[in-house]
Amino acid sequence: MIDKYPKTCNLCGGTVIFTSNAVIYGQEYGSGRCYLCTKCGAFVGTHKPWSREAMGLLADERMRKGKSCATTCFISKLMKQPTAGGGMTLTVYP
């Protein structure tokens, strides 16, 4: 179960703080808030309408790169799937 309000890092067990995401990006984006591990630096953003609710698990750089790679691979394979009309399509669900 994903903790929507993490206090302990799921990667290293360190203390997690709720802070401005400007600490990570240099300025605030989206909800403007995030959860950040003070020990390993893993972080997770928050939902814009519910700025205290985490969008998922805290992730370190390795996990974020892995997710990006997996998404790229998935989209690439998806785009190669023919549709009934012979073309290719990408459907994105909200």
N, C-alpha and C. Protein backbone atom coordinates (compact mmCIF):
# COMPACT_ATOMS: atom_id res chain seq x y z
N MET A 1 0.84 -1.18 0.00
CA MET A 1 0.00 0.00 0.00
C MET A 1 0.89 1.25 0.00
N ILE A 2 0.56 2.19 -0.86
CA ILE A 2 1.33 3.42 -0.95
C ILE A 2 0.87 4.39 0.14
N ASP A 3 1.83 4.91 0.89
CA ASP A 3 1.54 5.88 1.93
C ASP A 3 1.37 7.24 1.27
N LYS A 4 0.18 7.80 1.34
CA LYS A 4 -0.10 9.08 0.70
C LYS A 4 0.51 10.26 1.45
N TYR A 5 0.91 10.02 2.70
CA TYR A 5 1.49 11.07 3.53
C TYR A 5 2.75 10.52 4.20
N PRO A 6 3.80 10.22 3.42
CA PRO A 6 4.97 9.53 3.97
C PRO A 6 5.74 10.33 5.02
N LYS A 7 6.18 9.62 6.04
CA LYS A 7 7.03 10.21 7.10
C LYS A 7 8.40 9.52 7.11
N THR A 8 8.42 8.29 6.55
CA THR A 8 9.64 7.48 6.49
C THR A 8 9.90 7.07 5.06
N CYS A 9 11.13 7.17 4.60
CA CYS A 9 11.49 6.84 3.22
C CYS A 9 11.34 5.34 2.96
N ASN A 10 10.66 5.00 1.86
CA ASN A 10 10.48 3.60 1.48
C ASN A 10 11.77 2.99 0.93
N LEU A 11 12.80 3.80 0.66
CA LEU A 11 14.06 3.29 0.12
C LEU A 11 15.13 3.09 1.20
N CYS A 12 15.30 4.09 2.07
CA CYS A 12 16.40 4.01 3.04
C CYS A 12 15.96 4.06 4.49
N GLY A 13 14.68 4.33 4.74
CA GLY A 13 14.19 4.43 6.11
C GLY A 13 14.43 5.78 6.76
N GLY A 14 14.96 6.74 5.98
CA GLY A 14 15.24 8.07 6.51
C GLY A 14 13.98 8.87 6.77
N THR A 15 14.16 10.02 7.40
CA THR A 15 13.05 10.92 7.71
C THR A 15 12.62 11.67 6.46
N VAL A 16 11.33 11.73 6.24
CA VAL A 16 10.77 12.44 5.08
C VAL A 16 10.11 13.72 5.56
N ILE A 17 10.39 14.82 4.84
CA ILE A 17 9.78 16.10 5.17
C ILE A 17 8.86 16.54 4.02
N PHE A 18 7.84 17.31 4.37
CA PHE A 18 6.94 17.91 3.40
C PHE A 18 7.46 19.31 3.16
N THR A 19 7.80 19.64 1.90
CA THR A 19 8.48 20.91 1.63
C THR A 19 8.11 21.46 0.26
N SER A 20 8.61 22.62 -0.04
CA SER A 20 8.44 23.22 -1.36
C SER A 20 9.26 22.43 -2.38
N ASN A 21 8.71 22.20 -3.59
CA ASN A 21 9.51 21.50 -4.59
C ASN A 21 10.56 22.41 -5.23
N ALA A 22 10.59 23.66 -4.83
CA ALA A 22 11.66 24.57 -5.27
C ALA A 22 13.01 24.09 -4.74
N VAL A 23 13.00 23.32 -3.66
CA VAL A 23 14.23 22.74 -3.10
C VAL A 23 14.88 21.83 -4.15
N ILE A 24 14.08 21.19 -4.98
CA ILE A 24 14.56 20.26 -6.00
C ILE A 24 14.78 20.95 -7.34
N TYR A 25 13.79 21.74 -7.77
CA TYR A 25 13.80 22.31 -9.11
C TYR A 25 14.29 23.76 -9.21
N GLY A 26 14.46 24.43 -8.08
CA GLY A 26 14.89 25.82 -8.11
C GLY A 26 13.73 26.81 -8.14
N GLN A 27 12.55 26.32 -8.46
CA GLN A 27 11.32 27.12 -8.40
C GLN A 27 10.16 26.14 -8.27
N GLU A 28 9.02 26.64 -7.85
CA GLU A 28 7.88 25.75 -7.64
C GLU A 28 7.18 25.41 -8.95
N TYR A 29 6.80 24.13 -9.08
CA TYR A 29 6.03 23.64 -10.22
C TYR A 29 4.81 22.89 -9.71
N GLY A 30 3.77 22.79 -10.54
CA GLY A 30 2.59 22.00 -10.19
C GLY A 30 1.97 22.46 -8.90
N SER A 31 1.88 21.53 -7.94
CA SER A 31 1.30 21.86 -6.63
C SER A 31 2.23 22.73 -5.81
N GLY A 32 3.51 22.73 -6.18
CA GLY A 32 4.50 23.51 -5.44
C GLY A 32 5.05 22.80 -4.21
N ARG A 33 4.60 21.57 -3.98
CA ARG A 33 5.00 20.83 -2.78
C ARG A 33 5.52 19.44 -3.14
N CYS A 34 6.27 18.85 -2.23
CA CYS A 34 6.75 17.48 -2.41
C CYS A 34 7.14 16.90 -1.05
N TYR A 35 7.33 15.59 -1.05
CA TYR A 35 7.90 14.89 0.10
C TYR A 35 9.34 14.57 -0.26
N LEU A 36 10.28 14.86 0.64
CA LEU A 36 11.71 14.71 0.37
C LEU A 36 12.38 13.97 1.52
N CYS A 37 13.14 12.94 1.19
CA CYS A 37 13.90 12.21 2.21
C CYS A 37 15.15 13.00 2.56
N THR A 38 15.35 13.27 3.84
CA THR A 38 16.51 14.05 4.29
C THR A 38 17.78 13.22 4.28
N LYS A 39 17.65 11.91 4.14
CA LYS A 39 18.83 11.02 4.16
C LYS A 39 19.35 10.72 2.76
N CYS A 40 18.49 10.23 1.86
CA CYS A 40 18.96 9.80 0.53
C CYS A 40 18.55 10.73 -0.60
N GLY A 41 17.69 11.70 -0.33
CA GLY A 41 17.30 12.66 -1.36
C GLY A 41 16.17 12.20 -2.27
N ALA A 42 15.59 11.02 -2.02
CA ALA A 42 14.45 10.56 -2.82
C ALA A 42 13.30 11.53 -2.60
N PHE A 43 12.45 11.68 -3.62
CA PHE A 43 11.32 12.58 -3.47
C PHE A 43 10.14 12.11 -4.30
N VAL A 44 8.98 12.68 -3.98
CA VAL A 44 7.76 12.43 -4.74
C VAL A 44 6.94 13.71 -4.71
N GLY A 45 6.34 14.03 -5.86
CA GLY A 45 5.49 15.20 -5.95
C GLY A 45 4.14 14.95 -5.31
N THR A 46 3.34 16.00 -5.26
CA THR A 46 2.00 15.89 -4.70
C THR A 46 0.97 16.32 -5.74
N HIS A 47 -0.26 15.86 -5.55
CA HIS A 47 -1.35 16.21 -6.45
C HIS A 47 -1.70 17.68 -6.30
N LYS A 48 -1.93 18.34 -7.42
CA LYS A 48 -2.22 19.78 -7.38
C LYS A 48 -3.47 20.12 -6.56
N PRO A 49 -4.59 19.47 -6.77
CA PRO A 49 -5.74 19.89 -5.96
C PRO A 49 -5.62 19.48 -4.48
N TRP A 50 -4.83 18.44 -4.20
CA TRP A 50 -4.65 17.96 -2.82
C TRP A 50 -3.16 18.00 -2.53
N SER A 51 -2.62 19.16 -2.27
CA SER A 51 -1.17 19.35 -2.22
C SER A 51 -0.45 18.56 -1.13
N ARG A 52 -1.15 17.92 -0.21
CA ARG A 52 -0.47 17.11 0.80
C ARG A 52 -0.46 15.63 0.42
N GLU A 53 -1.17 15.23 -0.62
CA GLU A 53 -1.27 13.82 -1.02
C GLU A 53 -0.19 13.45 -2.04
N ALA A 54 0.68 12.52 -1.66
CA ALA A 54 1.77 12.09 -2.55
C ALA A 54 1.23 11.42 -3.81
N MET A 55 1.91 11.63 -4.93
CA MET A 55 1.49 11.04 -6.20
C MET A 55 1.95 9.59 -6.37
N GLY A 56 2.72 9.08 -5.46
CA GLY A 56 3.20 7.71 -5.55
C GLY A 56 4.25 7.45 -4.47
N LEU A 57 5.22 6.62 -4.81
CA LEU A 57 6.32 6.30 -3.89
C LEU A 57 7.46 7.29 -4.04
N LEU A 58 8.21 7.49 -2.97
CA LEU A 58 9.43 8.28 -3.10
C LEU A 58 10.37 7.53 -4.04
N ALA A 59 11.04 8.27 -4.91
CA ALA A 59 11.93 7.65 -5.88
C ALA A 59 13.26 8.39 -5.91
N ASP A 60 14.32 7.61 -6.01
CA ASP A 60 15.65 8.20 -6.16
C ASP A 60 15.94 8.35 -7.66
N GLU A 61 17.10 8.83 -8.01
CA GLU A 61 17.45 9.07 -9.41
C GLU A 61 17.38 7.79 -10.24
N ARG A 62 17.87 6.70 -9.69
CA ARG A 62 17.86 5.42 -10.40
C ARG A 62 16.43 4.98 -10.74
N MET A 63 15.52 5.12 -9.78
CA MET A 63 14.12 4.74 -10.01
C MET A 63 13.47 5.65 -11.04
N ARG A 64 13.75 6.96 -10.98
CA ARG A 64 13.16 7.89 -11.94
C ARG A 64 13.66 7.61 -13.36
N LYS A 65 14.94 7.30 -13.50
CA LYS A 65 15.50 6.96 -14.82
C LYS A 65 14.89 5.66 -15.35
N GLY A 66 14.71 4.69 -14.47
CA GLY A 66 14.11 3.42 -14.86
C GLY A 66 12.68 3.60 -15.33
N LYS A 67 11.92 4.42 -14.63
CA LYS A 67 10.54 4.69 -15.02
C LYS A 67 10.50 5.38 -16.37
N SER A 68 11.38 6.34 -16.57
CA SER A 68 11.43 7.06 -17.84
C SER A 68 11.77 6.11 -18.99
N CYS A 69 12.73 5.23 -18.77
CA CYS A 69 13.13 4.25 -19.78
C CYS A 69 11.99 3.29 -20.09
N ALA A 70 11.32 2.80 -19.07
CA ALA A 70 10.21 1.87 -19.26
C ALA A 70 9.07 2.55 -20.02
N THR A 71 8.79 3.80 -19.70
CA THR A 71 7.73 4.54 -20.38
C THR A 71 8.07 4.73 -21.86
N THR A 72 9.32 5.10 -22.14
CA THR A 72 9.76 5.27 -23.52
C THR A 72 9.62 3.98 -24.30
N CYS A 73 10.02 2.89 -23.71
CA CYS A 73 9.93 1.58 -24.35
C CYS A 73 8.47 1.21 -24.60
N PHE A 74 7.63 1.43 -23.62
CA PHE A 74 6.20 1.09 -23.74
C PHE A 74 5.55 1.91 -24.85
N ILE A 75 5.78 3.21 -24.86
CA ILE A 75 5.20 4.09 -25.88
C ILE A 75 5.70 3.69 -27.26
N SER A 76 6.99 3.38 -27.37
CA SER A 76 7.57 2.96 -28.65
C SER A 76 6.88 1.71 -29.17
N LYS A 77 6.69 0.72 -28.31
CA LYS A 77 6.03 -0.52 -28.73
C LYS A 77 4.56 -0.27 -29.05
N LEU A 78 3.92 0.57 -28.27
CA LEU A 78 2.52 0.88 -28.48
C LEU A 78 2.32 1.55 -29.84
N MET A 79 3.21 2.44 -30.20
CA MET A 79 3.09 3.17 -31.46
C MET A 79 3.29 2.25 -32.67
N LYS A 80 3.90 1.08 -32.47
CA LYS A 80 4.13 0.13 -33.56
C LYS A 80 2.95 -0.81 -33.77
N GLN A 81 1.94 -0.74 -32.88
CA GLN A 81 0.77 -1.61 -33.00
C GLN A 81 -0.19 -1.04 -34.04
N PRO A 82 -0.52 -1.81 -35.06
CA PRO A 82 -1.46 -1.31 -36.07
C PRO A 82 -2.89 -1.26 -35.53
N THR A 83 -3.66 -0.33 -36.05
CA THR A 83 -5.07 -0.23 -35.71
C THR A 83 -5.87 -1.01 -36.75
N ALA A 84 -7.18 -1.09 -36.57
CA ALA A 84 -8.05 -1.80 -37.51
C ALA A 84 -7.95 -1.20 -38.92
N GLY A 85 -7.74 0.11 -39.00
CA GLY A 85 -7.64 0.78 -40.30
C GLY A 85 -6.24 0.73 -40.89
N GLY A 86 -5.32 0.07 -40.20
CA GLY A 86 -3.96 -0.04 -40.71
C GLY A 86 -3.00 1.03 -40.21
N GLY A 87 -3.55 2.12 -39.62
CA GLY A 87 -2.68 3.18 -39.09
C GLY A 87 -2.28 2.87 -37.66
N MET A 88 -1.61 3.80 -37.03
CA MET A 88 -1.20 3.63 -35.65
C MET A 88 -1.83 4.73 -34.82
N THR A 89 -2.12 4.40 -33.58
CA THR A 89 -2.77 5.36 -32.71
C THR A 89 -2.23 5.26 -31.30
N LEU A 90 -2.33 6.33 -30.57
CA LEU A 90 -1.95 6.36 -29.16
C LEU A 90 -3.11 6.98 -28.41
N THR A 91 -3.70 6.22 -27.51
CA THR A 91 -4.80 6.72 -26.71
C THR A 91 -4.29 6.97 -25.30
N VAL A 92 -4.49 8.18 -24.80
CA VAL A 92 -4.07 8.52 -23.45
C VAL A 92 -5.31 8.72 -22.62
N TYR A 93 -5.41 8.00 -21.53
CA TYR A 93 -6.55 8.11 -20.63
C TYR A 93 -6.19 8.99 -19.46
N PRO A 94 -7.11 9.85 -19.00
CA PRO A 94 -6.82 10.73 -17.86
C PRO A 94 -6.66 9.97 -16.57
